[in-house]
Amino acid sequence: MMETEILYCDPALAVCLKPPGVSSETGGMPELLEAALGGPFYCVHRLDKAVGGVMVYARTREAAARLSAAVARREMQKEYLAVTEGVPEEPRAALCDLLYHDAAKNKSYVVSRPRRGVKEAVLGYELLGTAGYGAQTLALLRIALQTGRSHQIRVQFASRGMPLVGDGKYGASLRGCPPALCAASLAFPHPLTGEALRFDAPPPAGFPWELFKLT
């Protein structure tokens, strides 16, 4: 059984670090949490299977409903760290696109026109640093999601010629590692008390994160 790292736990919720390669939904983290802590766990937000980082799970149906409502009201704030092949022209900016997710291929695409199944995707990023690797220059970015679309960060940067390191699904030339994306910060109001909670976690060890000075 895979070890589960718990950052916080109370009768209403548990905050954990999801490892890359583990599903955030049924068949993955909920079962790992049940094995570690006992009792049912309810998924209220998602994280790509290939991506690791901070997640919160509800322990009661009431807490699940309230956390889901907080997500709908955009009161759950998520920040990510990512490493891209190439450097954005602007050190900080917002990216806005129309995305279509092909469920059969489990892949998202930037499209030019609204149609059935197309949703707006918005994020903001900040350039934290650059590093050389072979003939390439890589960029470390902090990203704040305003919408939560399937593979949103991965496809929005890939569509601009800056795929995430390790993300062969979206055209990365540097592979051999999971997509260089980490759910580094999660903030939300406690579903029962309303207390403002925030949890942070460092990215994984190893390539490409080791190329950057992270504080």
N, C-alpha and C. Protein backbone atom coordinates (compact mmCIF):
# COMPACT_ATOMS: atom_id res chain seq x y z
N MET A 1 0.85 -1.20 0.00
CA MET A 1 0.00 0.00 0.00
C MET A 1 0.88 1.25 0.00
N MET A 2 0.59 2.19 -0.91
CA MET A 2 1.36 3.42 -0.99
C MET A 2 1.15 4.27 0.25
N GLU A 3 2.23 4.85 0.78
CA GLU A 3 2.13 5.72 1.94
C GLU A 3 1.44 7.02 1.56
N THR A 4 0.55 7.50 2.43
CA THR A 4 -0.20 8.71 2.17
C THR A 4 0.29 9.82 3.10
N GLU A 5 0.72 10.95 2.52
CA GLU A 5 1.20 12.06 3.33
C GLU A 5 0.03 13.00 3.63
N ILE A 6 -0.31 13.11 4.91
CA ILE A 6 -1.43 13.93 5.37
C ILE A 6 -0.89 15.25 5.90
N LEU A 7 -1.38 16.36 5.37
CA LEU A 7 -0.96 17.68 5.84
C LEU A 7 -1.85 18.20 6.96
N TYR A 8 -3.13 17.80 6.95
CA TYR A 8 -4.09 18.28 7.96
C TYR A 8 -5.29 17.33 7.95
N CYS A 9 -5.86 17.15 9.13
CA CYS A 9 -7.02 16.28 9.22
C CYS A 9 -7.89 16.71 10.39
N ASP A 10 -9.21 16.75 10.20
CA ASP A 10 -10.17 16.94 11.28
C ASP A 10 -11.43 16.16 10.92
N PRO A 11 -12.48 16.18 11.72
CA PRO A 11 -13.65 15.35 11.41
C PRO A 11 -14.36 15.69 10.10
N ALA A 12 -14.11 16.90 9.55
CA ALA A 12 -14.81 17.32 8.33
C ALA A 12 -14.01 17.08 7.06
N LEU A 13 -12.68 17.09 7.14
CA LEU A 13 -11.88 17.05 5.92
C LEU A 13 -10.48 16.53 6.20
N ALA A 14 -9.79 16.22 5.12
CA ALA A 14 -8.37 15.87 5.18
C ALA A 14 -7.67 16.51 4.00
N VAL A 15 -6.50 17.06 4.25
CA VAL A 15 -5.66 17.64 3.21
C VAL A 15 -4.44 16.75 3.06
N CYS A 16 -4.13 16.39 1.83
CA CYS A 16 -3.05 15.43 1.59
C CYS A 16 -2.22 15.85 0.39
N LEU A 17 -1.12 15.14 0.19
CA LEU A 17 -0.32 15.28 -1.02
C LEU A 17 -0.61 14.10 -1.92
N LYS A 18 -1.22 14.35 -3.07
CA LYS A 18 -1.47 13.28 -4.03
C LYS A 18 -0.19 13.02 -4.83
N PRO A 19 0.28 11.77 -4.86
CA PRO A 19 1.47 11.48 -5.66
C PRO A 19 1.13 11.47 -7.16
N PRO A 20 2.08 11.82 -8.03
CA PRO A 20 1.86 11.65 -9.47
C PRO A 20 1.57 10.19 -9.78
N GLY A 21 0.66 9.97 -10.73
CA GLY A 21 0.33 8.62 -11.13
C GLY A 21 -0.83 8.00 -10.40
N VAL A 22 -1.36 8.69 -9.39
CA VAL A 22 -2.51 8.20 -8.62
C VAL A 22 -3.74 9.03 -8.99
N SER A 23 -4.84 8.37 -9.26
CA SER A 23 -6.08 9.08 -9.58
C SER A 23 -6.56 9.89 -8.39
N SER A 24 -7.10 11.08 -8.66
CA SER A 24 -7.66 11.89 -7.58
C SER A 24 -9.07 11.46 -7.23
N GLU A 25 -9.65 10.57 -8.05
CA GLU A 25 -11.03 10.15 -7.85
C GLU A 25 -11.12 8.69 -7.41
N THR A 26 -12.28 8.09 -7.57
CA THR A 26 -12.51 6.72 -7.14
C THR A 26 -11.46 5.78 -7.73
N GLY A 27 -10.93 4.92 -6.87
CA GLY A 27 -9.88 4.02 -7.30
C GLY A 27 -8.49 4.55 -7.02
N GLY A 28 -8.41 5.74 -6.43
CA GLY A 28 -7.12 6.35 -6.14
C GLY A 28 -7.05 6.91 -4.74
N MET A 29 -6.94 8.24 -4.63
CA MET A 29 -6.73 8.88 -3.34
C MET A 29 -7.83 8.61 -2.31
N PRO A 30 -9.12 8.61 -2.67
CA PRO A 30 -10.12 8.32 -1.63
C PRO A 30 -9.87 6.99 -0.92
N GLU A 31 -9.49 5.98 -1.69
CA GLU A 31 -9.22 4.68 -1.08
C GLU A 31 -7.95 4.70 -0.24
N LEU A 32 -6.92 5.41 -0.70
CA LEU A 32 -5.70 5.52 0.09
C LEU A 32 -5.97 6.24 1.41
N LEU A 33 -6.80 7.28 1.37
CA LEU A 33 -7.13 7.99 2.60
C LEU A 33 -7.97 7.12 3.53
N GLU A 34 -8.89 6.36 2.98
CA GLU A 34 -9.69 5.46 3.81
C GLU A 34 -8.81 4.43 4.51
N ALA A 35 -7.82 3.92 3.78
CA ALA A 35 -6.92 2.93 4.38
C ALA A 35 -6.08 3.56 5.49
N ALA A 36 -5.72 4.84 5.32
CA ALA A 36 -4.87 5.50 6.31
C ALA A 36 -5.64 6.02 7.50
N LEU A 37 -6.87 6.53 7.27
CA LEU A 37 -7.60 7.24 8.32
C LEU A 37 -8.93 6.60 8.68
N GLY A 38 -9.45 5.74 7.82
CA GLY A 38 -10.74 5.13 8.06
C GLY A 38 -11.88 6.05 7.64
N GLY A 39 -13.04 5.43 7.35
CA GLY A 39 -14.21 6.23 6.99
C GLY A 39 -14.22 6.63 5.54
N PRO A 40 -15.36 7.09 5.01
CA PRO A 40 -15.43 7.49 3.60
C PRO A 40 -14.79 8.85 3.36
N PHE A 41 -14.34 9.05 2.11
CA PHE A 41 -13.81 10.34 1.69
C PHE A 41 -14.47 10.71 0.37
N TYR A 42 -14.78 12.01 0.22
CA TYR A 42 -15.50 12.51 -0.94
C TYR A 42 -14.62 13.49 -1.71
N CYS A 43 -14.51 13.24 -3.02
CA CYS A 43 -13.69 14.09 -3.89
C CYS A 43 -14.49 15.34 -4.27
N VAL A 44 -13.93 16.53 -4.03
CA VAL A 44 -14.63 17.78 -4.33
C VAL A 44 -13.91 18.62 -5.40
N HIS A 45 -12.70 18.23 -5.76
CA HIS A 45 -12.01 18.86 -6.88
C HIS A 45 -11.05 17.82 -7.45
N ARG A 46 -10.50 18.09 -8.63
CA ARG A 46 -9.72 17.08 -9.33
C ARG A 46 -8.33 17.57 -9.66
N LEU A 47 -7.46 16.60 -9.88
CA LEU A 47 -6.09 16.87 -10.29
C LEU A 47 -5.71 15.77 -11.28
N ASP A 48 -5.11 16.16 -12.40
CA ASP A 48 -4.72 15.17 -13.40
C ASP A 48 -3.96 14.02 -12.75
N LYS A 49 -4.21 12.81 -13.23
CA LYS A 49 -3.56 11.63 -12.66
C LYS A 49 -2.04 11.76 -12.69
N ALA A 50 -1.50 12.35 -13.76
CA ALA A 50 -0.05 12.45 -13.91
C ALA A 50 0.58 13.50 -13.01
N VAL A 51 -0.26 14.32 -12.36
CA VAL A 51 0.22 15.48 -11.59
C VAL A 51 0.05 15.22 -10.10
N GLY A 52 1.03 15.65 -9.31
CA GLY A 52 0.94 15.52 -7.86
C GLY A 52 0.76 16.87 -7.19
N GLY A 53 0.43 16.82 -5.90
CA GLY A 53 0.34 18.06 -5.13
C GLY A 53 -0.78 18.05 -4.11
N VAL A 54 -1.09 19.24 -3.62
CA VAL A 54 -2.02 19.40 -2.50
C VAL A 54 -3.47 19.23 -2.95
N MET A 55 -4.22 18.41 -2.20
CA MET A 55 -5.65 18.24 -2.44
C MET A 55 -6.39 18.16 -1.11
N VAL A 56 -7.67 18.54 -1.14
CA VAL A 56 -8.53 18.40 0.04
C VAL A 56 -9.67 17.45 -0.29
N TYR A 57 -10.01 16.61 0.68
CA TYR A 57 -11.13 15.68 0.57
C TYR A 57 -12.06 15.85 1.76
N ALA A 58 -13.35 15.77 1.48
CA ALA A 58 -14.35 15.87 2.55
C ALA A 58 -14.53 14.51 3.22
N ARG A 59 -14.87 14.55 4.52
CA ARG A 59 -15.10 13.31 5.27
C ARG A 59 -16.58 13.08 5.56
N THR A 60 -17.41 14.07 5.26
CA THR A 60 -18.86 13.92 5.44
C THR A 60 -19.56 14.49 4.21
N ARG A 61 -20.80 14.09 4.01
CA ARG A 61 -21.56 14.62 2.87
C ARG A 61 -21.80 16.12 3.02
N GLU A 62 -22.04 16.58 4.25
CA GLU A 62 -22.25 18.01 4.48
C GLU A 62 -21.01 18.80 4.10
N ALA A 63 -19.84 18.33 4.56
CA ALA A 63 -18.59 19.03 4.22
C ALA A 63 -18.35 18.99 2.72
N ALA A 64 -18.68 17.88 2.07
CA ALA A 64 -18.51 17.77 0.62
C ALA A 64 -19.37 18.79 -0.11
N ALA A 65 -20.61 18.93 0.32
CA ALA A 65 -21.52 19.89 -0.32
C ALA A 65 -21.01 21.31 -0.15
N ARG A 66 -20.52 21.63 1.03
CA ARG A 66 -20.04 23.00 1.28
C ARG A 66 -18.73 23.28 0.55
N LEU A 67 -17.84 22.30 0.50
CA LEU A 67 -16.60 22.51 -0.25
C LEU A 67 -16.89 22.62 -1.75
N SER A 68 -17.82 21.83 -2.24
CA SER A 68 -18.20 21.92 -3.66
C SER A 68 -18.80 23.28 -3.97
N ALA A 69 -19.58 23.82 -3.03
CA ALA A 69 -20.15 25.16 -3.22
C ALA A 69 -19.05 26.21 -3.23
N ALA A 70 -18.04 26.03 -2.39
CA ALA A 70 -16.91 26.97 -2.38
C ALA A 70 -16.16 26.93 -3.71
N VAL A 71 -16.02 25.74 -4.28
CA VAL A 71 -15.40 25.62 -5.60
C VAL A 71 -16.23 26.37 -6.64
N ALA A 72 -17.55 26.18 -6.60
CA ALA A 72 -18.44 26.84 -7.57
C ALA A 72 -18.37 28.36 -7.44
N ARG A 73 -18.19 28.85 -6.22
CA ARG A 73 -18.10 30.30 -5.99
C ARG A 73 -16.68 30.82 -6.19
N ARG A 74 -15.77 29.95 -6.60
CA ARG A 74 -14.36 30.29 -6.81
C ARG A 74 -13.69 30.78 -5.54
N GLU A 75 -14.11 30.22 -4.42
CA GLU A 75 -13.48 30.54 -3.14
C GLU A 75 -12.32 29.60 -2.83
N MET A 76 -12.15 28.57 -3.64
CA MET A 76 -11.01 27.67 -3.49
C MET A 76 -9.93 28.14 -4.44
N GLN A 77 -8.83 28.61 -3.89
CA GLN A 77 -7.75 29.18 -4.68
C GLN A 77 -6.63 28.16 -4.85
N LYS A 78 -6.25 27.90 -6.11
CA LYS A 78 -5.22 26.91 -6.40
C LYS A 78 -4.06 27.58 -7.11
N GLU A 79 -2.85 27.28 -6.64
CA GLU A 79 -1.64 27.75 -7.31
C GLU A 79 -0.77 26.55 -7.65
N TYR A 80 -0.15 26.63 -8.81
CA TYR A 80 0.68 25.54 -9.31
C TYR A 80 2.08 26.06 -9.63
N LEU A 81 3.04 25.16 -9.62
CA LEU A 81 4.35 25.41 -10.18
C LEU A 81 4.49 24.55 -11.43
N ALA A 82 5.10 25.11 -12.46
CA ALA A 82 5.29 24.38 -13.71
C ALA A 82 6.63 24.76 -14.32
N VAL A 83 7.20 23.83 -15.07
CA VAL A 83 8.42 24.10 -15.83
C VAL A 83 8.11 23.88 -17.30
N THR A 84 8.32 24.91 -18.10
CA THR A 84 8.01 24.85 -19.53
C THR A 84 9.27 24.83 -20.37
N GLU A 85 9.15 24.24 -21.56
CA GLU A 85 10.20 24.34 -22.57
C GLU A 85 10.01 25.68 -23.27
N GLY A 86 10.94 26.59 -23.06
CA GLY A 86 10.79 27.94 -23.59
C GLY A 86 10.31 28.88 -22.51
N VAL A 87 10.45 30.17 -22.78
CA VAL A 87 10.16 31.21 -21.80
C VAL A 87 9.07 32.14 -22.34
N PRO A 88 8.05 32.45 -21.55
CA PRO A 88 7.02 33.39 -22.03
C PRO A 88 7.61 34.76 -22.33
N GLU A 89 7.01 35.46 -23.30
CA GLU A 89 7.49 36.79 -23.65
C GLU A 89 7.30 37.77 -22.50
N GLU A 90 6.18 37.66 -21.78
CA GLU A 90 5.90 38.55 -20.66
C GLU A 90 6.20 37.85 -19.35
N PRO A 91 6.80 38.56 -18.38
CA PRO A 91 7.12 37.93 -17.10
C PRO A 91 5.88 37.56 -16.29
N ARG A 92 4.78 38.25 -16.55
CA ARG A 92 3.51 37.88 -15.92
C ARG A 92 2.38 38.31 -16.84
N ALA A 93 1.36 37.48 -16.93
CA ALA A 93 0.24 37.77 -17.82
C ALA A 93 -0.90 36.81 -17.52
N ALA A 94 -2.05 37.07 -18.14
CA ALA A 94 -3.19 36.16 -18.09
C ALA A 94 -3.33 35.49 -19.45
N LEU A 95 -3.68 34.22 -19.44
CA LEU A 95 -3.95 33.49 -20.67
C LEU A 95 -5.43 33.13 -20.72
N CYS A 96 -6.07 33.46 -21.81
CA CYS A 96 -7.50 33.17 -21.99
C CYS A 96 -7.69 32.39 -23.29
N ASP A 97 -8.34 31.26 -23.21
CA ASP A 97 -8.56 30.42 -24.39
C ASP A 97 -9.92 29.76 -24.32
N LEU A 98 -10.35 29.23 -25.46
CA LEU A 98 -11.50 28.34 -25.52
C LEU A 98 -10.96 26.92 -25.65
N LEU A 99 -11.39 26.02 -24.76
CA LEU A 99 -10.89 24.66 -24.76
C LEU A 99 -12.00 23.66 -25.05
N TYR A 100 -11.63 22.65 -25.81
CA TYR A 100 -12.52 21.51 -26.03
C TYR A 100 -11.81 20.26 -25.55
N HIS A 101 -12.50 19.48 -24.71
CA HIS A 101 -11.91 18.25 -24.20
C HIS A 101 -12.52 17.05 -24.91
N ASP A 102 -11.68 16.27 -25.56
CA ASP A 102 -12.11 15.05 -26.24
C ASP A 102 -12.01 13.91 -25.23
N ALA A 103 -13.15 13.49 -24.70
CA ALA A 103 -13.15 12.47 -23.65
C ALA A 103 -12.61 11.14 -24.16
N ALA A 104 -12.89 10.81 -25.41
CA ALA A 104 -12.43 9.53 -25.96
C ALA A 104 -10.90 9.46 -26.00
N LYS A 105 -10.27 10.58 -26.32
CA LYS A 105 -8.81 10.63 -26.38
C LYS A 105 -8.20 11.13 -25.07
N ASN A 106 -9.04 11.61 -24.16
CA ASN A 106 -8.58 12.23 -22.91
C ASN A 106 -7.53 13.30 -23.21
N LYS A 107 -7.90 14.19 -24.11
CA LYS A 107 -6.99 15.26 -24.52
C LYS A 107 -7.78 16.52 -24.79
N SER A 108 -7.21 17.67 -24.42
CA SER A 108 -7.87 18.95 -24.63
C SER A 108 -7.21 19.71 -25.78
N TYR A 109 -7.98 20.59 -26.40
CA TYR A 109 -7.51 21.34 -27.56
C TYR A 109 -7.96 22.79 -27.43
N VAL A 110 -7.10 23.72 -27.82
CA VAL A 110 -7.50 25.12 -27.95
C VAL A 110 -8.23 25.28 -29.27
N VAL A 111 -9.41 25.87 -29.23
CA VAL A 111 -10.21 26.07 -30.44
C VAL A 111 -10.52 27.55 -30.60
N SER A 112 -10.95 27.93 -31.79
CA SER A 112 -11.13 29.35 -32.09
C SER A 112 -12.57 29.83 -31.93
N ARG A 113 -13.53 28.89 -31.92
CA ARG A 113 -14.93 29.31 -31.89
C ARG A 113 -15.72 28.56 -30.82
N PRO A 114 -16.70 29.22 -30.22
CA PRO A 114 -17.58 28.53 -29.27
C PRO A 114 -18.43 27.49 -30.01
N ARG A 115 -18.61 26.37 -29.38
CA ARG A 115 -19.53 25.34 -29.87
C ARG A 115 -19.83 24.41 -28.70
N ARG A 116 -20.63 23.41 -28.95
CA ARG A 116 -21.01 22.50 -27.88
C ARG A 116 -19.76 21.82 -27.29
N GLY A 117 -19.67 21.85 -25.97
CA GLY A 117 -18.54 21.23 -25.29
C GLY A 117 -17.34 22.12 -25.11
N VAL A 118 -17.36 23.31 -25.68
CA VAL A 118 -16.23 24.25 -25.56
C VAL A 118 -16.43 25.13 -24.32
N LYS A 119 -15.37 25.30 -23.53
CA LYS A 119 -15.45 26.10 -22.31
C LYS A 119 -14.30 27.10 -22.27
N GLU A 120 -14.57 28.24 -21.64
CA GLU A 120 -13.53 29.24 -21.48
C GLU A 120 -12.53 28.78 -20.42
N ALA A 121 -11.25 29.04 -20.67
CA ALA A 121 -10.18 28.69 -19.73
C ALA A 121 -9.33 29.93 -19.48
N VAL A 122 -9.14 30.26 -18.20
CA VAL A 122 -8.40 31.47 -17.83
C VAL A 122 -7.41 31.12 -16.71
N LEU A 123 -6.18 31.58 -16.87
CA LEU A 123 -5.18 31.45 -15.81
C LEU A 123 -4.28 32.66 -15.82
N GLY A 124 -3.60 32.89 -14.71
CA GLY A 124 -2.57 33.91 -14.63
C GLY A 124 -1.26 33.24 -14.26
N TYR A 125 -0.15 33.77 -14.78
CA TYR A 125 1.15 33.18 -14.45
C TYR A 125 2.15 34.26 -14.10
N GLU A 126 3.20 33.84 -13.39
CA GLU A 126 4.34 34.71 -13.06
C GLU A 126 5.62 33.91 -13.29
N LEU A 127 6.56 34.52 -14.00
CA LEU A 127 7.85 33.89 -14.25
C LEU A 127 8.72 34.00 -13.00
N LEU A 128 9.17 32.84 -12.48
CA LEU A 128 9.99 32.83 -11.27
C LEU A 128 11.48 32.69 -11.57
N GLY A 129 11.81 32.11 -12.72
CA GLY A 129 13.22 31.92 -13.03
C GLY A 129 13.39 31.14 -14.32
N THR A 130 14.62 31.13 -14.84
CA THR A 130 14.95 30.37 -16.04
C THR A 130 16.19 29.54 -15.78
N ALA A 131 16.36 28.49 -16.58
CA ALA A 131 17.53 27.64 -16.46
C ALA A 131 17.83 27.02 -17.83
N GLY A 132 19.11 26.88 -18.13
CA GLY A 132 19.50 26.23 -19.37
C GLY A 132 19.57 24.73 -19.20
N TYR A 133 19.16 24.02 -20.23
CA TYR A 133 19.28 22.55 -20.23
C TYR A 133 19.57 22.13 -21.66
N GLY A 134 20.81 21.74 -21.93
CA GLY A 134 21.21 21.46 -23.30
C GLY A 134 21.07 22.72 -24.13
N ALA A 135 20.38 22.60 -25.27
CA ALA A 135 20.19 23.76 -26.15
C ALA A 135 18.95 24.55 -25.79
N GLN A 136 18.21 24.11 -24.77
CA GLN A 136 16.94 24.75 -24.44
C GLN A 136 17.06 25.65 -23.22
N THR A 137 16.15 26.62 -23.16
CA THR A 137 15.97 27.41 -21.95
C THR A 137 14.61 27.04 -21.35
N LEU A 138 14.62 26.66 -20.09
CA LEU A 138 13.39 26.27 -19.40
C LEU A 138 12.95 27.39 -18.47
N ALA A 139 11.66 27.46 -18.22
CA ALA A 139 11.10 28.51 -17.36
C ALA A 139 10.34 27.87 -16.20
N LEU A 140 10.56 28.41 -15.02
CA LEU A 140 9.79 28.03 -13.84
C LEU A 140 8.70 29.07 -13.64
N LEU A 141 7.44 28.62 -13.61
CA LEU A 141 6.29 29.52 -13.52
C LEU A 141 5.45 29.21 -12.29
N ARG A 142 4.91 30.26 -11.70
CA ARG A 142 3.84 30.11 -10.71
C ARG A 142 2.53 30.44 -11.42
N ILE A 143 1.55 29.58 -11.27
CA ILE A 143 0.30 29.71 -12.04
C ILE A 143 -0.89 29.71 -11.10
N ALA A 144 -1.79 30.65 -11.29
CA ALA A 144 -3.04 30.72 -10.54
C ALA A 144 -4.19 30.44 -11.48
N LEU A 145 -4.95 29.39 -11.20
CA LEU A 145 -6.09 29.05 -12.04
C LEU A 145 -7.31 29.88 -11.67
N GLN A 146 -7.98 30.39 -12.68
CA GLN A 146 -9.28 31.03 -12.47
C GLN A 146 -10.42 30.13 -12.90
N THR A 147 -10.11 29.17 -13.77
CA THR A 147 -11.08 28.13 -14.16
C THR A 147 -10.36 26.79 -14.01
N GLY A 148 -11.11 25.72 -13.92
CA GLY A 148 -10.52 24.41 -13.74
C GLY A 148 -10.93 23.46 -14.83
N ARG A 149 -10.30 23.57 -15.99
CA ARG A 149 -10.63 22.72 -17.14
C ARG A 149 -9.66 21.53 -17.22
N SER A 150 -10.08 20.49 -17.89
CA SER A 150 -9.23 19.31 -18.04
C SER A 150 -7.94 19.66 -18.78
N HIS A 151 -6.80 19.35 -18.12
CA HIS A 151 -5.48 19.56 -18.71
C HIS A 151 -5.23 21.03 -19.06
N GLN A 152 -5.90 21.93 -18.36
CA GLN A 152 -5.89 23.34 -18.76
C GLN A 152 -4.49 23.93 -18.86
N ILE A 153 -3.71 23.82 -17.80
CA ILE A 153 -2.37 24.42 -17.80
C ILE A 153 -1.53 23.80 -18.90
N ARG A 154 -1.61 22.50 -19.02
CA ARG A 154 -0.78 21.78 -19.98
C ARG A 154 -1.07 22.24 -21.41
N VAL A 155 -2.34 22.33 -21.77
CA VAL A 155 -2.68 22.65 -23.15
C VAL A 155 -2.54 24.15 -23.44
N GLN A 156 -2.80 25.01 -22.46
CA GLN A 156 -2.68 26.44 -22.73
C GLN A 156 -1.24 26.84 -23.03
N PHE A 157 -0.28 26.27 -22.30
CA PHE A 157 1.12 26.60 -22.58
C PHE A 157 1.62 25.87 -23.83
N ALA A 158 1.19 24.62 -24.00
CA ALA A 158 1.62 23.88 -25.19
C ALA A 158 1.14 24.57 -26.47
N SER A 159 -0.06 25.15 -26.44
CA SER A 159 -0.59 25.80 -27.63
C SER A 159 0.21 27.04 -28.01
N ARG A 160 1.02 27.53 -27.09
CA ARG A 160 1.88 28.70 -27.34
C ARG A 160 3.33 28.28 -27.56
N GLY A 161 3.54 27.00 -27.85
CA GLY A 161 4.89 26.52 -28.13
C GLY A 161 5.74 26.31 -26.91
N MET A 162 5.12 26.18 -25.73
CA MET A 162 5.85 26.01 -24.48
C MET A 162 5.28 24.83 -23.69
N PRO A 163 5.40 23.61 -24.22
CA PRO A 163 4.87 22.48 -23.47
C PRO A 163 5.60 22.29 -22.16
N LEU A 164 4.94 21.67 -21.20
CA LEU A 164 5.58 21.38 -19.94
C LEU A 164 6.61 20.27 -20.13
N VAL A 165 7.74 20.42 -19.48
CA VAL A 165 8.78 19.39 -19.53
C VAL A 165 8.15 18.05 -19.11
N GLY A 166 8.44 17.00 -19.87
CA GLY A 166 7.93 15.68 -19.54
C GLY A 166 6.54 15.37 -20.06
N ASP A 167 5.88 16.36 -20.65
CA ASP A 167 4.49 16.16 -21.07
C ASP A 167 4.41 15.77 -22.55
N GLY A 168 4.76 14.51 -22.84
CA GLY A 168 4.74 14.04 -24.21
C GLY A 168 3.37 14.10 -24.84
N LYS A 169 2.31 14.02 -24.06
CA LYS A 169 0.95 14.08 -24.58
C LYS A 169 0.70 15.40 -25.30
N TYR A 170 1.37 16.46 -24.85
CA TYR A 170 1.17 17.78 -25.44
C TYR A 170 2.44 18.32 -26.11
N GLY A 171 3.29 17.41 -26.58
CA GLY A 171 4.36 17.81 -27.48
C GLY A 171 5.70 18.12 -26.87
N ALA A 172 5.95 17.76 -25.62
CA ALA A 172 7.26 18.04 -25.02
C ALA A 172 8.35 17.24 -25.71
N SER A 173 9.50 17.85 -25.93
CA SER A 173 10.65 17.13 -26.48
C SER A 173 11.50 16.52 -25.37
N LEU A 174 11.45 17.12 -24.17
CA LEU A 174 12.15 16.57 -23.00
C LEU A 174 11.18 15.67 -22.25
N ARG A 175 11.50 14.37 -22.23
CA ARG A 175 10.59 13.40 -21.62
C ARG A 175 11.34 12.60 -20.56
N GLY A 176 10.81 11.47 -20.20
CA GLY A 176 11.48 10.65 -19.20
C GLY A 176 11.15 11.04 -17.77
N CYS A 177 10.18 11.93 -17.58
CA CYS A 177 9.74 12.32 -16.24
C CYS A 177 8.26 12.66 -16.34
N PRO A 178 7.53 12.69 -15.23
CA PRO A 178 6.13 13.12 -15.29
C PRO A 178 6.04 14.57 -15.75
N PRO A 179 4.89 15.00 -16.26
CA PRO A 179 4.74 16.41 -16.61
C PRO A 179 5.16 17.30 -15.44
N ALA A 180 5.97 18.33 -15.75
CA ALA A 180 6.54 19.18 -14.70
C ALA A 180 5.49 20.17 -14.21
N LEU A 181 4.55 19.65 -13.45
CA LEU A 181 3.45 20.44 -12.92
C LEU A 181 3.16 19.95 -11.51
N CYS A 182 3.01 20.88 -10.59
CA CYS A 182 2.78 20.52 -9.19
C CYS A 182 1.74 21.44 -8.60
N ALA A 183 0.72 20.85 -7.95
CA ALA A 183 -0.27 21.65 -7.22
C ALA A 183 0.37 22.09 -5.90
N ALA A 184 0.93 23.29 -5.91
CA ALA A 184 1.81 23.72 -4.83
C ALA A 184 1.11 24.42 -3.68
N SER A 185 -0.11 24.93 -3.91
CA SER A 185 -0.79 25.69 -2.86
C SER A 185 -2.30 25.55 -3.03
N LEU A 186 -2.98 25.43 -1.89
CA LEU A 186 -4.44 25.33 -1.90
C LEU A 186 -4.98 26.12 -0.72
N ALA A 187 -5.91 27.04 -1.00
CA ALA A 187 -6.52 27.86 0.05
C ALA A 187 -8.03 27.82 -0.10
N PHE A 188 -8.74 27.70 1.03
CA PHE A 188 -10.20 27.60 0.99
C PHE A 188 -10.76 27.85 2.39
N PRO A 189 -12.03 28.23 2.50
CA PRO A 189 -12.65 28.38 3.81
C PRO A 189 -13.06 27.01 4.37
N HIS A 190 -12.82 26.81 5.66
CA HIS A 190 -13.23 25.55 6.27
C HIS A 190 -14.74 25.39 6.10
N PRO A 191 -15.21 24.21 5.68
CA PRO A 191 -16.63 24.06 5.35
C PRO A 191 -17.58 24.20 6.54
N LEU A 192 -17.09 24.04 7.75
CA LEU A 192 -17.96 24.15 8.91
C LEU A 192 -17.75 25.45 9.69
N THR A 193 -16.50 25.87 9.83
CA THR A 193 -16.20 27.04 10.66
C THR A 193 -16.01 28.32 9.85
N GLY A 194 -15.71 28.18 8.56
CA GLY A 194 -15.42 29.35 7.74
C GLY A 194 -14.00 29.85 7.87
N GLU A 195 -13.20 29.22 8.73
CA GLU A 195 -11.81 29.65 8.92
C GLU A 195 -11.03 29.55 7.61
N ALA A 196 -10.22 30.56 7.31
CA ALA A 196 -9.41 30.55 6.10
C ALA A 196 -8.24 29.60 6.30
N LEU A 197 -8.14 28.61 5.43
CA LEU A 197 -7.07 27.62 5.50
C LEU A 197 -6.20 27.72 4.26
N ARG A 198 -4.90 27.49 4.43
CA ARG A 198 -3.98 27.48 3.30
C ARG A 198 -2.91 26.42 3.56
N PHE A 199 -2.60 25.67 2.51
CA PHE A 199 -1.61 24.62 2.61
C PHE A 199 -0.67 24.71 1.41
N ASP A 200 0.63 24.54 1.69
CA ASP A 200 1.65 24.64 0.65
C ASP A 200 2.53 23.40 0.68
N ALA A 201 3.07 23.07 -0.48
CA ALA A 201 3.95 21.92 -0.58
C ALA A 201 5.00 22.18 -1.66
N PRO A 202 6.22 21.69 -1.46
CA PRO A 202 7.26 21.86 -2.49
C PRO A 202 7.02 20.92 -3.65
N PRO A 203 7.62 21.20 -4.80
CA PRO A 203 7.52 20.28 -5.94
C PRO A 203 8.35 19.03 -5.67
N PRO A 204 8.19 18.01 -6.50
CA PRO A 204 8.97 16.79 -6.30
C PRO A 204 10.47 17.04 -6.45
N ALA A 205 11.26 16.14 -5.88
CA ALA A 205 12.71 16.20 -6.08
C ALA A 205 13.04 15.71 -7.49
N GLY A 206 14.21 16.06 -7.95
CA GLY A 206 14.67 15.55 -9.24
C GLY A 206 14.39 16.47 -10.40
N PHE A 207 14.65 15.96 -11.59
CA PHE A 207 14.52 16.74 -12.82
C PHE A 207 13.04 17.00 -13.13
N PRO A 208 12.70 18.24 -13.61
CA PRO A 208 13.57 19.39 -13.88
C PRO A 208 13.65 20.38 -12.73
N TRP A 209 12.95 20.06 -11.62
CA TRP A 209 12.85 21.01 -10.50
C TRP A 209 14.21 21.35 -9.92
N GLU A 210 15.13 20.38 -9.95
CA GLU A 210 16.45 20.58 -9.36
C GLU A 210 17.27 21.65 -10.09
N LEU A 211 16.84 22.03 -11.29
CA LEU A 211 17.56 23.06 -12.05
C LEU A 211 17.32 24.46 -11.51
N PHE A 212 16.31 24.60 -10.64
CA PHE A 212 15.91 25.93 -10.16
C PHE A 212 16.13 26.04 -8.65
N LYS A 213 16.39 27.24 -8.21
CA LYS A 213 16.54 27.51 -6.77
C LYS A 213 15.16 27.82 -6.22
N LEU A 214 14.60 26.88 -5.49
CA LEU A 214 13.26 27.03 -4.93
C LEU A 214 13.36 27.33 -3.46
N THR A 215 12.63 28.39 -3.02
CA THR A 215 12.65 28.77 -1.61
C THR A 215 11.30 28.54 -1.01
